Every structure is written in structure tokens, then in C-alpha cells.
């Protein structure tokens, strides 16, 4: 499967780097970023979980993303190989710390029939697999941000 980064995410990442100073230092304990020596500006949630979620769900179009409230909602996504089924994901990042219980995922599935799109049962493992993928990616991001000795 080819992973694509939606233009919205790419623009957000580019804009996030605007106006930064040489004093920007990641706080690897909480995933926050210090902006200057006199003030601190942070995401409302753990930045590793936030960025890992965006990376993991980059193949799906975003409906909304609130980095201060910690909510990411995708729009409906249909795999091109199965156009009669679509999926939507809502991710809640619940903590400023990088913890396994700091993330909650809700998944929704619909199938297309003669009556239009109809809600369908979601495999209970889907949310768990997405959560695991996000946590693995968050750990990779955290390790990559830690200075080597």
C-alpha cells in the first residue's frame, strides 16, 4: 500500500516550523516544545503521540485536527480495492505523557448497498491495531529526538 501525506498535514507541518527560533528544544519527557527562554508554548497533548497519529493515519483524509484538545477525526476513507466499504477514525489523545493509556481510538465502518451507506460492525481488533501502530511510531519519534551520547 502506498502511503500519501494529505496536503493539509503537509501544510500544517510546514506552518508549524514558521517563526521558530534557534532556542527550540524538544522536551522528551512530555513531548512539548520550548519556544523561547522567556515563554513556553506547548501542544495540549503529547507531541510524539500527536505526530505519530498523523503519520499513521496519513493515508486517510482529515476532517479535523485539534492539537490543543487532542482530537483527530478522519473523513470517510474507501480502499480502492474495496470501494463498497468505507472507514472513519476518531483519535483522542488523553495525556501529555507518552503512555499506552494516553490514547483512545474509535473506528466506524459502513458498507454500500442498494439503500446507500449503512453502518456495519467493526472488527474489535481494528482500533487495537491502529493504537499499537501509533504507539510504535510515537516511540520511534521519541527515540529519534533523544540526543546520542
Protein backbone atom coordinates (compact mmCIF):
# COMPACT_ATOMS: atom_id res chain seq x y z
CA UNK A 1 0.00 0.00 0.00
CA UNK A 2 1.37 3.41 -0.92
CA UNK A 3 1.25 5.95 1.90
CA UNK A 4 0.36 9.51 0.90
CA UNK A 5 0.60 12.60 3.07
CA UNK A 6 -2.51 14.75 2.58
CA UNK A 7 -1.83 18.36 1.65
CA UNK A 8 -3.49 19.53 4.88
CA UNK A 9 -0.95 17.67 7.02
CA UNK A 10 1.95 18.83 4.88
CA UNK A 11 0.82 22.47 5.14
CA UNK A 12 0.33 22.16 8.90
CA UNK A 13 3.84 20.75 9.33
CA UNK A 14 5.34 23.48 7.17
CA UNK A 15 3.47 26.22 9.03
CA UNK A 16 4.45 24.74 12.38
CA UNK A 17 8.09 25.44 11.57
CA UNK A 18 7.46 29.10 10.71
CA UNK A 19 8.69 31.63 13.25
CA UNK A 20 10.71 29.18 15.27
CA UNK A 21 13.91 30.30 16.92
CA UNK A 22 17.25 28.68 17.48
CA UNK A 23 16.17 28.13 21.10
CA UNK A 24 13.58 25.46 20.18
CA UNK A 25 14.39 22.36 22.19
CA UNK A 26 12.17 19.28 22.42
CA UNK A 27 11.18 18.16 25.89
CA UNK A 28 11.45 14.39 25.52
CA UNK A 29 9.71 13.73 28.85
CA UNK A 30 6.41 15.30 27.83
CA UNK A 31 6.79 15.79 24.11
CA UNK A 32 6.36 19.54 24.40
CA UNK A 33 8.49 22.20 22.74
CA UNK A 34 10.00 25.27 24.39
CA UNK A 35 9.71 28.29 22.09
CA UNK A 36 11.98 30.78 23.81
CA UNK A 37 13.85 31.34 27.03
CA UNK A 38 11.10 33.62 28.39
CA UNK A 39 7.94 31.76 27.38
CA UNK A 40 6.83 28.22 26.69
CA UNK A 41 4.34 27.12 24.07
CA UNK A 42 3.19 23.53 24.05
CA UNK A 43 0.68 21.28 22.41
CA UNK A 44 -2.15 20.39 24.71
CA UNK A 45 -1.16 16.74 24.30
CA UNK A 46 1.95 14.65 23.88
CA UNK A 47 3.60 15.74 20.65
CA UNK A 48 5.01 12.27 19.93
CA UNK A 49 1.51 10.75 20.09
CA UNK A 50 0.14 13.63 18.04
CA UNK A 51 2.71 13.34 15.24
CA UNK A 52 2.62 9.53 15.32
CA UNK A 53 -1.16 9.62 14.88
CA UNK A 54 -0.87 11.96 11.90
CA UNK A 55 1.84 9.75 10.39
CA UNK A 56 -0.13 6.54 10.92
CA UNK A 57 -3.39 7.93 9.53
CA UNK A 58 -1.75 9.88 6.69
CA UNK A 59 -3.41 7.67 4.06
CA UNK A 60 -6.86 8.87 5.23
CA UNK A 61 -8.25 12.35 4.54
CA UNK A 62 -8.55 14.52 7.65
CA UNK A 63 -11.83 16.12 8.60
CA UNK A 64 -10.45 17.97 11.63
CA UNK A 65 -7.41 18.04 13.88
CA UNK A 66 -7.19 19.92 17.19
CA UNK A 67 -3.65 19.78 18.63
CA UNK A 68 -4.66 21.53 21.84
CA UNK A 69 -7.71 19.37 22.56
CA UNK A 70 -6.01 16.25 21.24
CA UNK A 71 -8.69 15.12 18.81
CA UNK A 72 -8.07 13.92 15.26
CA UNK A 73 -11.07 12.99 13.11
CA UNK A 74 -10.63 11.49 9.67
CA UNK A 75 -13.12 11.73 6.87
CA UNK A 76 -14.55 8.58 5.32
CA UNK A 77 -11.93 6.51 3.50
CA UNK A 78 -12.52 3.73 0.98
CA UNK A 79 -9.72 1.42 -0.01
CA UNK A 80 -9.57 1.50 -3.83
CA UNK A 81 -9.62 -2.31 -3.88
CA UNK A 82 -12.90 -2.36 -1.91
CA UNK A 83 -15.00 0.71 -2.87
CA UNK A 84 -18.20 -0.68 -1.29
CA UNK A 85 -16.77 -0.31 2.21
CA UNK A 86 -15.53 2.79 3.97
CA UNK A 87 -13.98 3.61 7.32
CA UNK A 88 -13.68 6.61 9.60
CA UNK A 89 -11.42 7.02 12.65
CA UNK A 90 -11.52 9.34 15.65
CA UNK A 91 -8.43 9.51 17.87
CA UNK A 92 -8.41 11.08 21.32
CA UNK A 93 -5.01 11.83 22.83
CA UNK A 94 -5.67 11.94 26.55
CA UNK A 95 -2.33 12.73 28.17
CA UNK A 96 0.72 14.94 27.88
CA UNK A 97 2.90 11.97 28.69
CA UNK A 98 3.83 9.21 26.27
CA UNK A 99 1.81 6.38 27.77
CA UNK A 100 -0.07 3.43 26.30
CA UNK A 101 -3.27 4.53 28.04
CA UNK A 102 -2.86 8.08 26.71
CA UNK A 103 -4.71 7.34 23.50
CA UNK A 104 -8.26 6.19 22.68
CA UNK A 105 -9.45 5.26 19.21
CA UNK A 106 -12.97 4.93 17.86
CA UNK A 107 -13.48 3.34 14.46
CA UNK A 108 -16.57 3.40 12.27
CA UNK A 109 -17.38 1.31 9.22
CA UNK A 110 -20.05 1.48 6.57
CA UNK A 111 -20.92 -0.72 3.61
CA UNK A 112 -22.65 0.37 0.42
CA UNK A 113 -25.90 -1.32 -0.53
CA UNK A 114 -28.93 -0.54 -2.66
CA UNK A 115 -30.15 1.69 0.21
CA UNK A 116 -26.91 3.71 0.27
CA UNK A 117 -24.27 3.67 3.00
CA UNK A 118 -25.26 1.55 6.00
CA UNK A 119 -23.45 1.28 9.34
CA UNK A 120 -21.66 -2.04 9.75
CA UNK A 121 -19.92 -3.92 12.52
CA UNK A 122 -16.25 -3.03 13.03
CA UNK A 123 -13.75 -5.74 13.88
CA UNK A 124 -12.84 -5.03 17.54
CA UNK A 125 -9.16 -5.59 16.73
CA UNK A 126 -9.08 -2.68 14.26
CA UNK A 127 -8.82 0.01 16.95
CA UNK A 128 -6.25 -2.05 18.87
CA UNK A 129 -4.07 -2.49 15.77
CA UNK A 130 -4.23 1.23 14.99
CA UNK A 131 -3.40 2.06 18.60
CA UNK A 132 -0.40 -0.29 18.53
CA UNK A 133 0.86 1.23 15.26
CA UNK A 134 0.55 4.76 16.68
CA UNK A 135 2.36 3.81 19.91
CA UNK A 136 5.19 2.14 17.98
CA UNK A 137 5.57 5.22 15.76
CA UNK A 138 5.48 7.55 18.81
CA UNK A 139 8.26 5.54 20.42
CA UNK A 140 10.31 5.76 17.21
CA UNK A 141 9.84 9.54 17.14
CA UNK A 142 10.83 9.86 20.79
CA UNK A 143 13.96 7.75 20.30
CA UNK A 144 14.90 9.77 17.22
CA UNK A 145 14.60 13.03 19.19
CA UNK A 146 16.82 11.87 22.05
CA UNK A 147 20.40 13.13 21.65
CA UNK A 148 23.00 10.39 21.30
CA UNK A 149 25.74 10.16 23.88
